[in-house]
N, C-alpha and C. Protein backbone atom coordinates (compact mmCIF):
# COMPACT_ATOMS: atom_id res chain seq x y z
N MET A 1 0.82 -1.20 -0.01
CA MET A 1 -0.01 0.02 0.04
C MET A 1 0.94 1.32 -0.01
N ALA A 2 0.56 2.22 -0.85
CA ALA A 2 1.34 3.39 -1.03
C ALA A 2 1.08 4.36 0.11
N GLN A 3 2.05 5.22 0.45
CA GLN A 3 1.96 6.18 1.43
C GLN A 3 1.10 7.32 0.89
N THR A 4 0.38 7.99 1.79
CA THR A 4 -0.27 9.11 1.36
C THR A 4 0.65 10.40 1.53
N VAL A 5 0.27 11.58 1.04
CA VAL A 5 0.92 12.82 1.16
C VAL A 5 1.15 13.11 2.65
N THR A 6 0.15 12.97 3.45
CA THR A 6 0.20 13.28 4.84
C THR A 6 1.22 12.32 5.51
N GLU A 7 1.30 11.05 5.15
CA GLU A 7 2.16 10.16 5.83
C GLU A 7 3.67 10.45 5.41
N VAL A 8 3.87 10.90 4.13
CA VAL A 8 5.22 11.30 3.75
C VAL A 8 5.63 12.58 4.51
N LEU A 9 4.77 13.53 4.57
CA LEU A 9 5.16 14.78 5.32
C LEU A 9 5.29 14.56 6.77
N THR A 10 4.47 13.65 7.30
CA THR A 10 4.68 13.36 8.74
C THR A 10 6.05 12.69 9.05
N ALA A 11 6.49 11.88 8.11
CA ALA A 11 7.76 11.19 8.24
C ALA A 11 8.96 12.25 8.16
N GLY A 12 8.71 13.27 7.41
CA GLY A 12 9.67 14.40 7.38
C GLY A 12 9.63 15.36 8.57
N SER A 13 8.72 15.16 9.46
CA SER A 13 8.60 16.21 10.51
C SER A 13 9.73 16.18 11.49
N ASP A 14 10.42 15.05 11.67
CA ASP A 14 11.63 14.98 12.52
C ASP A 14 12.68 15.95 11.92
N SER A 15 12.86 15.95 10.60
CA SER A 15 13.85 16.91 9.97
C SER A 15 13.52 18.33 10.25
N VAL A 16 12.19 18.66 10.19
CA VAL A 16 11.66 19.97 10.44
C VAL A 16 12.09 20.36 11.89
N THR A 17 11.79 19.50 12.77
CA THR A 17 12.07 19.74 14.24
C THR A 17 13.56 19.97 14.38
N LEU A 18 14.40 19.12 13.89
CA LEU A 18 15.85 19.23 13.98
C LEU A 18 16.31 20.52 13.48
N ILE A 19 15.98 20.90 12.30
CA ILE A 19 16.44 22.09 11.67
C ILE A 19 15.99 23.39 12.46
N ASN A 20 14.69 23.36 12.87
CA ASN A 20 14.32 24.52 13.65
C ASN A 20 14.92 24.55 15.04
N ASP A 21 15.17 23.45 15.68
CA ASP A 21 15.79 23.45 16.92
C ASP A 21 17.27 23.96 16.96
N ILE A 22 18.04 23.38 15.95
CA ILE A 22 19.37 23.81 15.74
C ILE A 22 19.42 25.34 15.39
N ASN A 23 18.47 25.73 14.61
CA ASN A 23 18.45 27.25 14.27
C ASN A 23 18.26 28.08 15.51
N THR A 24 17.37 27.56 16.46
CA THR A 24 17.14 28.32 17.66
C THR A 24 18.23 28.22 18.70
N ASN A 25 18.70 26.94 18.87
CA ASN A 25 19.65 26.68 19.98
C ASN A 25 21.07 26.48 19.66
N GLY A 26 21.39 26.38 18.41
CA GLY A 26 22.72 26.21 18.00
C GLY A 26 23.32 24.96 18.57
N ASN A 27 24.56 25.02 19.10
CA ASN A 27 25.29 23.83 19.57
C ASN A 27 24.68 23.37 20.92
N LYS A 28 23.70 24.09 21.43
CA LYS A 28 23.06 23.63 22.71
C LYS A 28 21.83 22.75 22.38
N SER A 29 21.49 22.61 21.05
CA SER A 29 20.43 21.76 20.68
C SER A 29 20.82 20.32 20.93
N ILE A 30 19.85 19.55 21.42
CA ILE A 30 20.13 18.08 21.59
C ILE A 30 20.38 17.43 20.30
N HIS A 31 19.97 18.04 19.16
CA HIS A 31 20.27 17.46 17.89
C HIS A 31 21.60 17.86 17.36
N ALA A 32 22.33 18.56 18.11
CA ALA A 32 23.69 19.01 17.70
C ALA A 32 24.75 18.77 18.79
N GLY A 33 24.40 17.68 19.62
CA GLY A 33 25.32 17.32 20.68
C GLY A 33 25.14 18.00 22.00
N GLY A 34 24.23 18.90 22.10
CA GLY A 34 23.91 19.66 23.30
C GLY A 34 23.26 18.73 24.32
N THR A 35 23.45 19.07 25.53
CA THR A 35 22.86 18.30 26.64
C THR A 35 22.14 19.30 27.62
N THR A 36 21.72 18.72 28.74
CA THR A 36 21.14 19.60 29.88
C THR A 36 21.87 19.24 31.08
N ASP A 37 22.04 20.21 31.92
CA ASP A 37 22.63 19.90 33.23
C ASP A 37 21.64 19.51 34.28
N VAL A 38 22.01 19.23 35.55
CA VAL A 38 21.10 18.74 36.49
C VAL A 38 19.91 19.67 36.75
N ASP A 39 20.07 20.94 36.44
CA ASP A 39 19.06 21.83 36.71
C ASP A 39 18.17 22.05 35.45
N GLY A 40 18.45 21.37 34.42
CA GLY A 40 17.68 21.36 33.23
C GLY A 40 18.12 22.49 32.21
N ASN A 41 19.25 23.10 32.44
CA ASN A 41 19.73 24.15 31.60
C ASN A 41 20.48 23.54 30.41
N ALA A 42 20.28 24.17 29.21
CA ALA A 42 20.96 23.67 28.05
C ALA A 42 22.51 23.86 28.14
N VAL A 43 23.25 22.91 27.81
CA VAL A 43 24.73 22.97 27.84
C VAL A 43 25.21 22.74 26.41
N GLU A 44 26.21 23.48 26.04
CA GLU A 44 26.81 23.38 24.78
C GLU A 44 27.37 21.96 24.46
N GLY A 45 27.24 21.42 23.28
CA GLY A 45 27.86 20.13 22.92
C GLY A 45 29.29 20.31 22.50
N THR A 46 29.85 19.26 22.08
CA THR A 46 31.28 19.22 21.60
C THR A 46 31.36 19.23 20.09
N TRP A 47 30.22 19.22 19.37
CA TRP A 47 30.29 19.19 17.99
C TRP A 47 30.81 20.49 17.36
N THR A 48 31.64 20.36 16.32
CA THR A 48 32.12 21.62 15.63
C THR A 48 30.91 22.17 14.74
N GLN A 49 31.07 23.43 14.39
CA GLN A 49 30.16 24.07 13.56
C GLN A 49 29.97 23.34 12.20
N ALA A 50 31.04 22.79 11.66
CA ALA A 50 31.18 22.02 10.50
C ALA A 50 30.24 20.81 10.59
N GLU A 51 30.35 20.07 11.73
CA GLU A 51 29.60 18.84 11.96
C GLU A 51 28.10 19.20 12.03
N ILE A 52 27.80 20.31 12.77
CA ILE A 52 26.43 20.77 12.90
C ILE A 52 25.81 21.12 11.46
N ASN A 53 26.61 21.76 10.62
CA ASN A 53 26.16 22.11 9.30
C ASN A 53 25.91 20.89 8.43
N VAL A 54 26.73 19.88 8.63
CA VAL A 54 26.48 18.61 7.85
C VAL A 54 25.12 18.01 8.27
N VAL A 55 24.84 17.95 9.54
CA VAL A 55 23.53 17.40 10.05
C VAL A 55 22.43 18.23 9.54
N VAL A 56 22.49 19.53 9.50
CA VAL A 56 21.45 20.40 8.99
C VAL A 56 21.33 20.18 7.57
N GLN A 57 22.34 20.06 6.77
CA GLN A 57 22.38 19.91 5.32
C GLN A 57 21.69 18.55 5.00
N ARG A 58 22.02 17.56 5.66
CA ARG A 58 21.50 16.18 5.47
C ARG A 58 19.93 16.25 5.59
N ASN A 59 19.44 16.99 6.55
CA ASN A 59 18.04 17.09 6.84
C ASN A 59 17.35 17.98 5.79
N VAL A 60 18.06 19.08 5.31
CA VAL A 60 17.52 19.87 4.31
C VAL A 60 17.40 18.99 3.01
N ASP A 61 18.41 18.21 2.67
CA ASP A 61 18.41 17.39 1.53
C ASP A 61 17.21 16.46 1.60
N HIS A 62 17.00 15.85 2.81
CA HIS A 62 15.87 14.88 2.94
C HIS A 62 14.59 15.57 2.69
N LEU A 63 14.35 16.78 3.22
CA LEU A 63 13.10 17.47 2.97
C LEU A 63 12.97 17.83 1.51
N GLU A 64 14.03 18.35 0.90
CA GLU A 64 13.92 18.74 -0.50
C GLU A 64 13.59 17.51 -1.38
N LEU A 65 14.06 16.39 -1.00
CA LEU A 65 13.74 15.20 -1.74
C LEU A 65 12.27 14.79 -1.61
N ILE A 66 11.72 14.75 -0.41
CA ILE A 66 10.35 14.34 -0.30
C ILE A 66 9.37 15.40 -0.85
N LEU A 67 9.79 16.61 -0.85
CA LEU A 67 8.97 17.68 -1.40
C LEU A 67 8.77 17.55 -2.98
N THR A 68 9.68 16.72 -3.58
CA THR A 68 9.57 16.55 -5.01
C THR A 68 8.82 15.30 -5.38
N TYR A 69 8.42 14.56 -4.43
CA TYR A 69 7.70 13.22 -4.77
C TYR A 69 6.48 13.57 -5.62
N ALA A 70 6.37 12.85 -6.69
CA ALA A 70 5.17 12.99 -7.59
C ALA A 70 5.04 11.75 -8.46
N PRO A 71 3.86 11.38 -8.72
CA PRO A 71 3.67 10.17 -9.64
C PRO A 71 4.25 10.50 -11.03
N VAL A 72 4.79 9.56 -11.71
CA VAL A 72 5.29 9.78 -13.07
C VAL A 72 4.24 9.55 -14.11
N ASP A 73 3.19 8.84 -13.82
CA ASP A 73 2.11 8.51 -14.70
C ASP A 73 0.89 8.08 -13.89
N ALA A 74 -0.26 7.77 -14.55
CA ALA A 74 -1.45 7.45 -13.87
C ALA A 74 -1.36 6.11 -13.17
N GLU A 75 -0.42 5.27 -13.55
CA GLU A 75 -0.21 3.91 -12.85
C GLU A 75 0.61 4.00 -11.56
N ASP A 76 1.38 5.10 -11.38
CA ASP A 76 2.29 5.31 -10.31
C ASP A 76 1.53 5.79 -9.10
N ASP A 77 1.71 5.02 -7.98
CA ASP A 77 1.08 5.32 -6.71
C ASP A 77 1.87 6.17 -5.80
N THR A 78 2.96 6.80 -6.29
CA THR A 78 3.75 7.64 -5.48
C THR A 78 2.84 8.86 -5.11
N PRO A 79 2.83 9.25 -3.78
CA PRO A 79 2.04 10.37 -3.39
C PRO A 79 2.50 11.61 -4.06
N ASN A 80 1.56 12.50 -4.45
CA ASN A 80 1.92 13.77 -5.16
C ASN A 80 2.23 14.90 -4.10
N VAL A 81 3.33 14.76 -3.44
CA VAL A 81 3.63 15.80 -2.48
C VAL A 81 3.92 17.06 -3.29
N ALA A 82 4.61 17.04 -4.35
CA ALA A 82 5.01 18.23 -5.14
C ALA A 82 3.73 19.00 -5.49
N GLY A 83 2.66 18.39 -5.80
CA GLY A 83 1.42 19.08 -6.16
C GLY A 83 0.48 19.34 -5.04
N ALA A 84 0.76 18.94 -3.89
CA ALA A 84 -0.12 19.03 -2.76
C ALA A 84 -0.10 20.39 -2.14
N ALA A 85 -1.32 20.86 -1.66
CA ALA A 85 -1.44 22.06 -0.87
C ALA A 85 -1.74 21.63 0.51
N ASP A 86 -0.79 21.51 1.36
CA ASP A 86 -0.96 20.99 2.72
C ASP A 86 -0.22 21.89 3.68
N SER A 87 -0.76 22.11 4.82
CA SER A 87 -0.12 22.95 5.80
C SER A 87 1.23 22.45 6.24
N LYS A 88 1.37 21.08 6.37
CA LYS A 88 2.60 20.53 6.72
C LYS A 88 3.66 20.74 5.73
N LYS A 89 3.20 20.75 4.40
CA LYS A 89 4.21 21.07 3.29
C LYS A 89 4.77 22.44 3.44
N THR A 90 3.89 23.38 3.89
CA THR A 90 4.39 24.79 4.08
C THR A 90 5.39 24.76 5.22
N THR A 91 5.18 24.05 6.18
CA THR A 91 6.22 23.96 7.27
C THR A 91 7.51 23.33 6.84
N HIS A 92 7.42 22.35 5.97
CA HIS A 92 8.61 21.67 5.45
C HIS A 92 9.34 22.63 4.55
N VAL A 93 8.69 23.35 3.70
CA VAL A 93 9.33 24.27 2.83
C VAL A 93 10.02 25.38 3.66
N ALA A 94 9.41 25.89 4.67
CA ALA A 94 9.97 26.86 5.52
C ALA A 94 11.22 26.36 6.17
N ALA A 95 11.21 25.09 6.67
CA ALA A 95 12.33 24.49 7.33
C ALA A 95 13.56 24.40 6.32
N VAL A 96 13.25 24.15 5.12
CA VAL A 96 14.34 24.05 4.09
C VAL A 96 15.01 25.43 4.04
N ALA A 97 14.26 26.49 3.96
CA ALA A 97 14.80 27.80 3.85
C ALA A 97 15.60 28.15 5.06
N THR A 98 15.01 27.83 6.26
CA THR A 98 15.68 28.10 7.52
C THR A 98 16.96 27.29 7.55
N GLY A 99 17.04 26.06 7.19
CA GLY A 99 18.30 25.31 7.24
C GLY A 99 19.30 25.83 6.23
N LYS A 100 18.95 26.33 5.07
CA LYS A 100 19.90 26.86 4.17
C LYS A 100 20.43 28.17 4.76
N THR A 101 19.59 29.00 5.28
CA THR A 101 20.01 30.22 5.90
C THR A 101 20.96 30.01 7.07
N TYR A 102 20.66 29.00 7.88
CA TYR A 102 21.47 28.67 9.05
C TYR A 102 22.85 28.27 8.55
N ILE A 103 22.95 27.47 7.56
CA ILE A 103 24.24 26.97 7.05
C ILE A 103 25.03 28.19 6.43
N THR A 104 24.39 29.00 5.70
CA THR A 104 25.06 30.19 5.13
C THR A 104 25.61 31.10 6.25
N ASN A 105 24.75 31.39 7.23
CA ASN A 105 25.21 32.19 8.36
C ASN A 105 26.21 31.58 9.32
N ASN A 106 26.39 30.27 9.22
CA ASN A 106 27.42 29.62 10.09
C ASN A 106 28.44 28.81 9.39
N SER A 107 28.83 29.37 8.27
CA SER A 107 29.91 28.75 7.42
C SER A 107 31.15 29.61 7.48
């Protein structure tokens, strides 16, 4: 059974979360090696900026790929993410832009 547009976009939500959290918290993000101390305060991780940028780029690439999903013909059951008008798609497109800006600003 083929995935639906919603299922594809839901599967990409982890990448959206990662990109937005790193954009907000930098190397204190749990997605960039950050941790919390005993009081619950964010603590910088040991990852280099280059390592963080690689992780952000990998997730940008993933989102860009799923945003291009479209059937090639009437027999193809690939969900038409590219042609969909879905609020989750808007969020994913925004995360791609955020990730690209983050990498540009931190290179």
